[in-house]
Amino acid sequence: MRTRSWISVEQAREAMFAGRGTRVRIAVIDSGVEVDHPDLAGLNLIEDVHVIGDDLQLHVRPGDGTDLFGHGTAIAGIIYNLAPEVELGSFRVLSASNVSRTQIICEGVNLAIERDYHILNCSFGCGVADHIHHYKSWIDRAYLKGIHIVAACNNEDFTKPEWPGYFPSVITVNYGKVENEEDLFYKPGHLVEFIARGADFEAAWKGKQRRRLCGSSFAAPHGAMNPGVVYCSWKKSGQNFQHSACADYKYLFTAFVRPSLAKSSLRLRKA
């Protein structure tokens, strides 16, 4: 069997600073994206899908370029700001009150997996233990296809299990007050291993507005795009370093993130 070579640390760093997200396909599994928001002018939204559930069945319908809550527009704006040439798909699974049902989420994510997105941004979490196998099913499916999942964690206590973030094959990102939007921090020993910008900054919101944000939901897209631009730049060179989705992604993270938060001014809320 032919052995695939790993990207080097130097190549990862070079790609990180040069990449703009070209040909990287990211699915935003969220509340929709407001396509006419001024902050998203020029965004390449390649797909807009609404997953709607009633008491009897699920319905998948073409989207209309709107956001029910504002959450998805914020996620899209963060990604677009970091990687303006990214190809974005919007899969609306969250309601106007920013909640959902597991069945609706699973349907939206499985659609994104079928359509071969490279990265799934999942800025949500389900803490219902009985639902864990519903999440594991599509997380394993994405892993086997080499699709990367980036997720948020519980904002009050990152050690509290929530899915999809509490699986080892998922890149789960906590939030901190980080001035530089490209900074990432790494602390092994937890299922939530990374921290990124997610507090006290402004981003796009519903109604062509901007809002000051705080939470791991908004740290996740900062985490998604840093390895995403590396993925793009390295793939364009004709190389293939995909030993496994999780191994590749964590390798890229640790190639250029800062060391443990324990020695920085930032602190995890629970050690």
C-alpha atoms as a PDB file:
ATOM      1  CA  MET A   1       0.000   0.000   0.000  1.00  0.00           C
ATOM      2  CA  ARG A   2       1.366   3.411  -0.920  1.00  0.00           C
ATOM      3  CA  THR A   3       2.149   5.694   2.014  1.00  0.00           C
ATOM      4  CA  ARG A   4       0.816   9.231   1.829  1.00  0.00           C
ATOM      5  CA  SER A   5       3.092  11.989   3.029  1.00  0.00           C
ATOM      6  CA  TRP A   6       2.114  14.403   5.760  1.00  0.00           C
ATOM      7  CA  ILE A   7       2.102  18.140   5.249  1.00  0.00           C
ATOM      8  CA  SER A   8       5.001  19.670   7.171  1.00  0.00           C
ATOM      9  CA  VAL A   9       4.604  22.284   9.898  1.00  0.00           C
ATOM     10  CA  GLU A  10       6.272  24.873   7.661  1.00  0.00           C
ATOM     11  CA  GLN A  11       3.936  24.079   4.763  1.00  0.00           C
ATOM     12  CA  ALA A  12       0.913  24.288   7.044  1.00  0.00           C
ATOM     13  CA  ARG A  13       1.932  27.696   8.318  1.00  0.00           C
ATOM     14  CA  GLU A  14       2.676  28.978   4.817  1.00  0.00           C
ATOM     15  CA  ALA A  15      -0.691  27.788   3.541  1.00  0.00           C
ATOM     16  CA  MET A  16      -2.436  29.248   6.552  1.00  0.00           C
ATOM     17  CA  PHE A  17      -1.250  32.766   5.803  1.00  0.00           C
ATOM     18  CA  ALA A  18      -1.632  32.515   2.013  1.00  0.00           C
ATOM     19  CA  GLY A  19      -4.927  30.652   1.724  1.00  0.00           C
ATOM     20  CA  ARG A  20      -8.243  32.380   0.989  1.00  0.00           C
ATOM     21  CA  GLY A  21     -10.541  29.360   1.064  1.00  0.00           C
ATOM     22  CA  THR A  22     -10.570  28.749  -2.688  1.00  0.00           C
ATOM     23  CA  ARG A  23     -12.454  25.527  -3.521  1.00  0.00           C
ATOM     24  CA  VAL A  24     -13.113  24.794   0.155  1.00  0.00           C
ATOM     25  CA  ARG A  25     -16.765  23.825   0.599  1.00  0.00           C
ATOM     26  CA  ILE A  26     -18.235  24.520   4.029  1.00  0.00           C
ATOM     27  CA  ALA A  27     -21.759  23.623   5.118  1.00  0.00           C
ATOM     28  CA  VAL A  28     -23.249  25.932   7.746  1.00  0.00           C
ATOM     29  CA  ILE A  29     -25.781  23.818   9.643  1.00  0.00           C
ATOM     30  CA  ASP A  30     -27.704  26.581  11.365  1.00  0.00           C
ATOM     31  CA  SER A  31     -30.631  29.017  11.223  1.00  0.00           C
ATOM     32  CA  GLY A  32     -30.118  30.093   7.600  1.00  0.00           C
ATOM     33  CA  VAL A  33     -28.040  32.829   5.982  1.00  0.00           C
ATOM     34  CA  GLU A  34     -29.284  36.321   5.111  1.00  0.00           C
ATOM     35  CA  VAL A  35     -27.764  36.560   1.653  1.00  0.00           C
ATOM     36  CA  ASP A  36     -28.370  40.297   1.161  1.00  0.00           C
ATOM     37  CA  HIS A  37     -26.565  41.310   4.350  1.00  0.00           C
ATOM     38  CA  PRO A  38     -23.946  43.982   3.528  1.00  0.00           C
ATOM     39  CA  ASP A  39     -21.217  41.998   5.294  1.00  0.00           C
ATOM     40  CA  LEU A  40     -21.848  39.083   2.918  1.00  0.00           C
ATOM     41  CA  ALA A  41     -21.645  41.023  -0.341  1.00  0.00           C
ATOM     42  CA  GLY A  42     -19.840  38.808  -2.851  1.00  0.00           C
ATOM     43  CA  LEU A  43     -20.284  35.612  -0.831  1.00  0.00           C
ATOM     44  CA  ASN A  44     -20.385  32.481  -2.972  1.00  0.00           C
ATOM     45  CA  LEU A  45     -23.462  30.763  -1.501  1.00  0.00           C
ATOM     46  CA  ILE A  46     -23.632  27.608  -3.597  1.00  0.00           C
ATOM     47  CA  GLU A  47     -26.623  26.072  -1.835  1.00  0.00           C
ATOM     48  CA  ASP A  48     -29.539  27.133   0.374  1.00  0.00           C
ATOM     49  CA  VAL A  49     -31.722  24.412   1.869  1.00  0.00           C
ATOM     50  CA  HIS A  50     -34.431  24.461   4.532  1.00  0.00           C
ATOM     51  CA  VAL A  51     -35.212  21.345   6.556  1.00  0.00           C
ATOM     52  CA  ILE A  52     -38.653  21.666   8.094  1.00  0.00           C
ATOM     53  CA  GLY A  53     -40.327  19.194  10.424  1.00  0.00           C
ATOM     54  CA  ASP A  54     -43.914  18.721  11.476  1.00  0.00           C
ATOM     55  CA  ASP A  55     -45.542  16.072  13.652  1.00  0.00           C
ATOM     56  CA  LEU A  56     -45.548  13.504  10.848  1.00  0.00           C
ATOM     57  CA  GLN A  57     -42.539  13.972   8.596  1.00  0.00           C
ATOM     58  CA  LEU A  58     -39.586  16.068   7.498  1.00  0.00           C
ATOM     59  CA  HIS A  59     -39.616  18.300   4.433  1.00  0.00           C
ATOM     60  CA  VAL A  60     -36.592  19.528   2.483  1.00  0.00           C
ATOM     61  CA  ARG A  61     -37.255  22.698   0.517  1.00  0.00           C
ATOM     62  CA  PRO A  62     -35.214  25.253  -1.434  1.00  0.00           C
ATOM     63  CA  GLY A  63     -34.130  28.171   0.722  1.00  0.00           C
ATOM     64  CA  ASP A  64     -35.048  31.803   0.203  1.00  0.00           C
ATOM     65  CA  GLY A  65     -31.885  33.544   1.362  1.00  0.00           C
ATOM     66  CA  THR A  66     -33.202  34.380   4.820  1.00  0.00           C
ATOM     67  CA  ASP A  67     -32.176  33.698   8.390  1.00  0.00           C
ATOM     68  CA  LEU A  68     -34.869  33.002  10.993  1.00  0.00           C
ATOM     69  CA  PHE A  69     -32.784  34.067  13.996  1.00  0.00           C
ATOM     70  CA  GLY A  70     -29.476  35.671  12.975  1.00  0.00           C
ATOM     71  CA  HIS A  71     -27.159  32.972  14.293  1.00  0.00           C
ATOM     72  CA  GLY A  72     -26.379  31.430  10.888  1.00  0.00           C
ATOM     73  CA  THR A  73     -25.674  34.820   9.332  1.00  0.00           C
ATOM     74  CA  ALA A  74     -23.112  35.497  12.057  1.00  0.00           C
ATOM     75  CA  ILE A  75     -21.418  32.147  11.388  1.00  0.00           C
ATOM     76  CA  ALA A  76     -21.365  32.763   7.638  1.00  0.00           C
ATOM     77  CA  GLY A  77     -19.979  36.274   8.150  1.00  0.00           C
ATOM     78  CA  ILE A  78     -17.106  35.029  10.301  1.00  0.00           C
ATOM     79  CA  ILE A  79     -16.169  32.367   7.760  1.00  0.00           C
ATOM     80  CA  TYR A  80     -16.441  34.772   4.831  1.00  0.00           C
ATOM     81  CA  ASN A  81     -14.271  37.358   6.576  1.00  0.00           C
ATOM     82  CA  LEU A  82     -11.547  34.775   7.179  1.00  0.00           C
ATOM     83  CA  ALA A  83     -11.760  33.101   3.772  1.00  0.00           C
ATOM     84  CA  PRO A  84     -13.492  35.299   1.156  1.00  0.00           C
ATOM     85  CA  GLU A  85     -13.197  32.726  -1.635  1.00  0.00           C
ATOM     86  CA  VAL A  86     -14.868  29.903   0.286  1.00  0.00           C
ATOM     87  CA  GLU A  87     -17.880  28.071  -1.175  1.00  0.00           C
ATOM     88  CA  LEU A  88     -20.639  28.124   1.427  1.00  0.00           C
ATOM     89  CA  GLY A  89     -23.778  26.021   1.726  1.00  0.00           C
ATOM     90  CA  SER A  90     -26.599  26.921   4.102  1.00  0.00           C
ATOM     91  CA  PHE A  91     -28.639  24.112   5.647  1.00  0.00           C
ATOM     92  CA  ARG A  92     -31.342  25.615   7.840  1.00  0.00           C
ATOM     93  CA  VAL A  93     -32.189  23.318  10.736  1.00  0.00           C
ATOM     94  CA  LEU A  94     -32.674  25.813  13.595  1.00  0.00           C
ATOM     95  CA  SER A  95     -35.930  27.649  14.233  1.00  0.00           C
ATOM     96  CA  ALA A  96     -36.771  31.315  14.819  1.00  0.00           C
ATOM     97  CA  SER A  97     -36.046  30.702  18.520  1.00  0.00           C
ATOM     98  CA  ASN A  98     -32.691  29.079  17.642  1.00  0.00           C
ATOM     99  CA  VAL A  99     -33.712  25.567  18.702  1.00  0.00           C
ATOM    100  CA  SER A 100     -34.328  22.352  16.793  1.00  0.00           C
ATOM    101  CA  ARG A 101     -35.057  18.651  17.005  1.00  0.00           C
ATOM    102  CA  THR A 102     -32.475  15.931  16.596  1.00  0.00           C
ATOM    103  CA  GLN A 103     -34.310  14.447  13.600  1.00  0.00           C
ATOM    104  CA  ILE A 104     -34.200  17.776  11.751  1.00  0.00           C
ATOM    105  CA  ILE A 105     -30.512  18.294  12.512  1.00  0.00           C
ATOM    106  CA  CYS A 106     -29.631  14.781  11.376  1.00  0.00           C
ATOM    107  CA  GLU A 107     -31.513  15.274   8.102  1.00  0.00           C
ATOM    108  CA  GLY A 108     -29.705  18.542   7.362  1.00  0.00           C
ATOM    109  CA  VAL A 109     -26.283  17.150   8.200  1.00  0.00           C
ATOM    110  CA  ASN A 110     -26.815  14.000   6.141  1.00  0.00           C
ATOM    111  CA  LEU A 111     -27.757  16.152   3.150  1.00  0.00           C
ATOM    112  CA  ALA A 112     -24.479  18.058   3.517  1.00  0.00           C
ATOM    113  CA  ILE A 113     -22.532  14.809   3.794  1.00  0.00           C
ATOM    114  CA  GLU A 114     -24.194  13.428   0.650  1.00  0.00           C
ATOM    115  CA  ARG A 115     -23.237  16.598  -1.233  1.00  0.00           C
ATOM    116  CA  ASP A 116     -19.540  16.258  -0.387  1.00  0.00           C
ATOM    117  CA  TYR A 117     -18.803  19.346   1.665  1.00  0.00           C
ATOM    118  CA  HIS A 118     -15.292  19.400   3.109  1.00  0.00           C
ATOM    119  CA  ILE A 119     -16.201  20.927   6.477  1.00  0.00           C
ATOM    120  CA  LEU A 120     -19.444  20.931   8.485  1.00  0.00           C
ATOM    121  CA  ASN A 121     -19.809  23.856  10.880  1.00  0.00           C
ATOM    122  CA  CYS A 122     -22.101  22.726  13.694  1.00  0.00           C
ATOM    123  CA  SER A 123     -22.519  25.612  16.142  1.00  0.00           C
ATOM    124  CA  PHE A 124     -25.042  23.818  18.331  1.00  0.00           C
ATOM    125  CA  GLY A 125     -25.195  21.049  20.900  1.00  0.00           C
ATOM    126  CA  CYS A 126     -27.627  18.439  22.170  1.00  0.00           C
ATOM    127  CA  GLY A 127     -27.262  17.207  25.731  1.00  0.00           C
ATOM    128  CA  VAL A 128     -29.976  14.539  25.633  1.00  0.00           C
ATOM    129  CA  ALA A 129     -28.153  11.295  26.377  1.00  0.00           C
ATOM    130  CA  ASP A 130     -30.786   9.138  24.663  1.00  0.00           C
ATOM    131  CA  HIS A 131     -29.995  10.875  21.364  1.00  0.00           C
ATOM    132  CA  ILE A 132     -26.273  10.113  21.313  1.00  0.00           C
ATOM    133  CA  HIS A 133     -26.588   7.283  18.777  1.00  0.00           C
ATOM    134  CA  HIS A 134     -28.435   9.547  16.326  1.00  0.00           C
ATOM    135  CA  TYR A 135     -25.428  11.858  16.321  1.00  0.00           C
ATOM    136  CA  LYS A 136     -22.854   9.093  16.282  1.00  0.00           C
ATOM    137  CA  SER A 137     -24.356   7.690  13.095  1.00  0.00           C
ATOM    138  CA  TRP A 138     -23.638  10.742  10.937  1.00  0.00           C
ATOM    139  CA  ILE A 139     -20.418  11.660  12.743  1.00  0.00           C
ATOM    140  CA  ASP A 140     -19.018   8.229  11.853  1.00  0.00           C
ATOM    141  CA  ARG A 141     -20.314   8.579   8.303  1.00  0.00           C
ATOM    142  CA  ALA A 142     -18.556  11.928   7.884  1.00  0.00           C
ATOM    143  CA  TYR A 143     -15.358  10.528   9.373  1.00  0.00           C
ATOM    144  CA  LEU A 144     -15.300   7.650   6.896  1.00  0.00           C
ATOM    145  CA  LYS A 145     -15.772  10.082   4.003  1.00  0.00           C
ATOM    146  CA  GLY A 146     -12.963  12.351   5.205  1.00  0.00           C
ATOM    147  CA  ILE A 147     -15.350  15.201   6.038  1.00  0.00           C
ATOM    148  CA  HIS A 148     -14.310  17.403   8.943  1.00  0.00           C
ATOM    149  CA  ILE A 149     -16.809  18.404  11.639  1.00  0.00           C
ATOM    150  CA  VAL A 150     -16.214  21.523  13.720  1.00  0.00           C
ATOM    151  CA  ALA A 151     -18.568  22.062  16.652  1.00  0.00           C
ATOM    152  CA  ALA A 152     -19.377  24.300  19.592  1.00  0.00           C
ATOM    153  CA  CYS A 153     -19.409  23.166  23.218  1.00  0.00           C
ATOM    154  CA  ASN A 154     -21.521  23.944  26.271  1.00  0.00           C
ATOM    155  CA  ASN A 155     -20.986  27.619  27.108  1.00  0.00           C
ATOM    156  CA  GLU A 156     -21.425  27.237  30.855  1.00  0.00           C
ATOM    157  CA  ASP A 157     -19.279  24.130  31.386  1.00  0.00           C
ATOM    158  CA  PHE A 158     -17.225  22.739  28.514  1.00  0.00           C
ATOM    159  CA  THR A 159     -16.874  19.404  30.363  1.00  0.00           C
ATOM    160  CA  LYS A 160     -20.621  18.818  30.109  1.00  0.00           C
ATOM    161  CA  PRO A 161     -21.269  16.302  27.288  1.00  0.00           C
ATOM    162  CA  GLU A 162     -23.112  17.692  24.281  1.00  0.00           C
ATOM    163  CA  TRP A 163     -23.262  16.302  20.774  1.00  0.00           C
ATOM    164  CA  PRO A 164     -21.829  16.457  18.163  1.00  0.00           C
ATOM    165  CA  GLY A 165     -18.966  18.140  20.043  1.00  0.00           C
ATOM    166  CA  TYR A 166     -18.302  15.389  22.573  1.00  0.00           C
ATOM    167  CA  PHE A 167     -16.903  12.845  20.137  1.00  0.00           C
ATOM    168  CA  PRO A 168     -13.143  12.465  19.657  1.00  0.00           C
ATOM    169  CA  SER A 169     -13.378  12.659  15.852  1.00  0.00           C
ATOM    170  CA  VAL A 170     -14.994  16.124  16.077  1.00  0.00           C
ATOM    171  CA  ILE A 171     -12.966  19.325  16.399  1.00  0.00           C
ATOM    172  CA  THR A 172     -14.716  21.088  19.284  1.00  0.00           C
ATOM    173  CA  VAL A 173     -13.878  24.718  19.994  1.00  0.00           C
ATOM    174  CA  ASN A 174     -14.409  26.694  23.186  1.00  0.00           C
ATOM    175  CA  TYR A 175     -14.495  30.481  23.217  1.00  0.00           C
ATOM    176  CA  GLY A 176     -12.297  33.137  24.740  1.00  0.00           C
ATOM    177  CA  LYS A 177     -11.616  36.844  24.513  1.00  0.00           C
ATOM    178  CA  VAL A 178      -9.012  36.683  21.762  1.00  0.00           C
ATOM    179  CA  GLU A 179      -8.006  39.888  19.996  1.00  0.00           C
ATOM    180  CA  ASN A 180      -6.547  38.302  16.875  1.00  0.00           C
ATOM    181  CA  GLU A 181      -9.208  36.426  14.912  1.00  0.00           C
ATOM    182  CA  GLU A 182      -6.592  34.013  13.571  1.00  0.00           C
ATOM    183  CA  ASP A 183      -5.285  32.947  16.994  1.00  0.00           C
ATOM    184  CA  LEU A 184      -6.015  29.419  18.191  1.00  0.00           C
ATOM    185  CA  PHE A 185      -5.108  27.778  21.465  1.00  0.00           C
ATOM    186  CA  TYR A 186      -4.638  24.095  22.152  1.00  0.00           C
ATOM    187  CA  LYS A 187      -4.891  22.173  25.414  1.00  0.00           C
ATOM    188  CA  PRO A 188      -4.973  18.375  25.207  1.00  0.00           C
ATOM    189  CA  GLY A 189      -6.570  16.174  27.820  1.00  0.00           C
ATOM    190  CA  HIS A 190     -10.177  17.171  27.139  1.00  0.00           C
ATOM    191  CA  LEU A 191     -12.640  16.333  24.380  1.00  0.00           C
ATOM    192  CA  VAL A 192     -12.884  20.112  23.954  1.00  0.00           C
ATOM    193  CA  GLU A 193      -9.251  20.722  23.014  1.00  0.00           C
ATOM    194  CA  PHE A 194      -9.287  24.102  21.279  1.00  0.00           C
ATOM    195  CA  ILE A 195     -10.175  27.695  21.984  1.00  0.00           C
ATOM    196  CA  ALA A 196     -10.637  30.552  19.520  1.00  0.00           C
ATOM    197  CA  ARG A 197     -12.070  34.025  19.287  1.00  0.00           C
ATOM    198  CA  GLY A 198     -15.658  33.987  20.491  1.00  0.00           C
ATOM    199  CA  ALA A 199     -16.198  36.871  22.910  1.00  0.00           C
ATOM    200  CA  ASP A 200     -16.630  40.645  22.716  1.00  0.00           C
ATOM    201  CA  PHE A 201     -16.511  41.158  18.955  1.00  0.00           C
ATOM    202  CA  GLU A 202     -19.074  42.232  16.374  1.00  0.00           C
ATOM    203  CA  ALA A 203     -20.376  40.225  13.431  1.00  0.00           C
ATOM    204  CA  ALA A 204     -23.275  40.164  11.001  1.00  0.00           C
ATOM    205  CA  TRP A 205     -26.796  39.501  12.271  1.00  0.00           C
ATOM    206  CA  LYS A 206     -30.333  39.233  10.940  1.00  0.00           C
ATOM    207  CA  GLY A 207     -31.962  42.350   9.490  1.00  0.00           C
ATOM    208  CA  LYS A 208     -28.741  43.727   7.980  1.00  0.00           C
ATOM    209  CA  GLN A 209     -27.579  44.450  11.514  1.00  0.00           C
ATOM    210  CA  ARG A 210     -24.400  43.719  13.425  1.00  0.00           C
ATOM    211  CA  ARG A 211     -24.276  42.380  16.983  1.00  0.00           C
ATOM    212  CA  ARG A 212     -21.665  41.976  19.705  1.00  0.00           C
ATOM    213  CA  LEU A 213     -21.284  38.248  20.222  1.00  0.00           C
ATOM    214  CA  CYS A 214     -20.120  35.826  22.874  1.00  0.00           C
ATOM    215  CA  GLY A 215     -20.130  32.024  22.874  1.00  0.00           C
ATOM    216  CA  SER A 216     -18.548  28.873  21.514  1.00  0.00           C
ATOM    217  CA  SER A 217     -20.943  29.003  18.549  1.00  0.00           C
ATOM    218  CA  PHE A 218     -18.857  31.858  17.202  1.00  0.00           C
ATOM    219  CA  ALA A 219     -15.516  30.301  18.135  1.00  0.00           C
ATOM    220  CA  ALA A 220     -16.305  27.225  16.020  1.00  0.00           C
ATOM    221  CA  PRO A 221     -16.172  29.024  12.630  1.00  0.00           C
ATOM    222  CA  HIS A 222     -12.885  30.665  13.608  1.00  0.00           C
ATOM    223  CA  GLY A 223     -11.631  27.151  14.236  1.00  0.00           C
ATOM    224  CA  ALA A 224     -13.175  25.818  11.024  1.00  0.00           C
ATOM    225  CA  MET A 225     -11.448  28.193   8.669  1.00  0.00           C
ATOM    226  CA  ASN A 226      -7.879  28.120   9.923  1.00  0.00           C
ATOM    227  CA  PRO A 227      -7.281  24.482   8.907  1.00  0.00           C
ATOM    228  CA  GLY A 228      -9.743  24.977   6.039  1.00  0.00           C
ATOM    229  CA  VAL A 229      -7.484  27.360   4.155  1.00  0.00           C
ATOM    230  CA  VAL A 230      -4.569  24.991   4.723  1.00  0.00           C
ATOM    231  CA  TYR A 231      -6.631  22.116   3.345  1.00  0.00           C
ATOM    232  CA  CYS A 232      -7.373  24.161   0.219  1.00  0.00           C
ATOM    233  CA  SER A 233      -3.820  25.319  -0.422  1.00  0.00           C
ATOM    234  CA  TRP A 234      -2.343  21.852   0.046  1.00  0.00           C
ATOM    235  CA  LYS A 235      -4.968  20.135  -2.116  1.00  0.00           C
ATOM    236  CA  LYS A 236      -4.327  22.641  -4.912  1.00  0.00           C
ATOM    237  CA  SER A 237      -0.694  21.548  -4.949  1.00  0.00           C
ATOM    238  CA  GLY A 238      -1.823  18.026  -5.823  1.00  0.00           C
ATOM    239  CA  GLN A 239      -0.903  16.525  -2.462  1.00  0.00           C
ATOM    240  CA  ASN A 240      -3.058  14.253  -0.333  1.00  0.00           C
ATOM    241  CA  PHE A 241      -2.451  14.102   3.397  1.00  0.00           C
ATOM    242  CA  GLN A 242      -5.765  12.595   4.411  1.00  0.00           C
ATOM    243  CA  HIS A 243      -4.768   9.697   6.631  1.00  0.00           C
ATOM    244  CA  SER A 244      -7.997  10.284   8.545  1.00  0.00           C
ATOM    245  CA  ALA A 245     -10.260  13.263   8.984  1.00  0.00           C
ATOM    246  CA  CYS A 246      -9.554  13.650  12.687  1.00  0.00           C
ATOM    247  CA  ALA A 247      -5.816  13.017  12.494  1.00  0.00           C
ATOM    248  CA  ASP A 248      -5.332  15.463   9.614  1.00  0.00           C
ATOM    249  CA  TYR A 249      -7.349  18.214  11.233  1.00  0.00           C
ATOM    250  CA  LYS A 250      -5.765  17.943  14.660  1.00  0.00           C
ATOM    251  CA  TYR A 251      -2.345  17.798  13.063  1.00  0.00           C
ATOM    252  CA  LEU A 252      -3.052  21.036  11.200  1.00  0.00           C
ATOM    253  CA  PHE A 253      -4.380  22.686  14.332  1.00  0.00           C
ATOM    254  CA  THR A 254      -1.366  21.795  16.411  1.00  0.00           C
ATOM    255  CA  ALA A 255       0.994  22.812  13.603  1.00  0.00           C
ATOM    256  CA  PHE A 256       0.257  26.490  14.107  1.00  0.00           C
ATOM    257  CA  VAL A 257      -1.805  27.033  17.258  1.00  0.00           C
ATOM    258  CA  ARG A 258      -0.431  28.526  20.428  1.00  0.00           C
ATOM    259  CA  PRO A 259       0.499  26.162  23.261  1.00  0.00           C
ATOM    260  CA  SER A 260      -1.606  25.300  26.282  1.00  0.00           C
ATOM    261  CA  LEU A 261      -3.810  27.990  27.771  1.00  0.00           C
ATOM    262  CA  ALA A 262      -2.388  27.088  31.150  1.00  0.00           C
ATOM    263  CA  LYS A 263       0.594  29.351  30.426  1.00  0.00           C
ATOM    264  CA  SER A 264      -1.336  32.209  28.831  1.00  0.00           C
ATOM    265  CA  SER A 265      -3.599  34.982  30.073  1.00  0.00           C
ATOM    266  CA  LEU A 266      -6.624  32.953  29.007  1.00  0.00           C
ATOM    267  CA  ARG A 267      -8.055  30.257  31.216  1.00  0.00           C
ATOM    268  CA  LEU A 268     -10.444  27.397  30.664  1.00  0.00           C
ATOM    269  CA  ARG A 269     -13.447  27.798  32.943  1.00  0.00           C
ATOM    270  CA  LYS A 270     -12.966  24.317  34.406  1.00  0.00           C
ATOM    271  CA  ALA A 271      -9.605  22.575  34.425  1.00  0.00           C
END
